[in-house]
Amino acid sequence: MKDANENSEAQVGGLVREFTAFHQCLIELDDLMREYRKPLPFPFDDFRDTIERCEKSIKPYAENLIDKKMNLSKMVYTIKYMGKEKEIDGLRKQISGHYQALQMCISFLQL
């Protein structure tokens, strides 16, 4: 259980950092595009949907796993997390795919 606890806490922490960086990147790009009075160079709906899914999926785990001492709630969320690893991995892959799309869009932008 100790390995599962450390693993789930580390993975959720990593996903929170990736999600936060992705979200911040979108905010900064949106601000920049507004400054130049240009639309975002991609349809935002897919990105927004991913952000919403990430928030919904990781919030309870972040609140109950990261930097918490072992208690009943953390044990329950550690076990629940083990059942959600595929979903979490899918979100991580979606974020990576969105990053690649953003990089392509940004590389072709001419402001």
Foldseek 3Di string as FASTA:
>chain_A
DVVLLVVLQVLLVVLVVLLVVLVVVVVVQCVVCVVVVHDPQDDCPLVVVLSVVSCVPRVLVNVQRHPDDDDPSSVVSSVVVVVCVVVSVVSVVSSVVVVVVVVVSVVPDDD
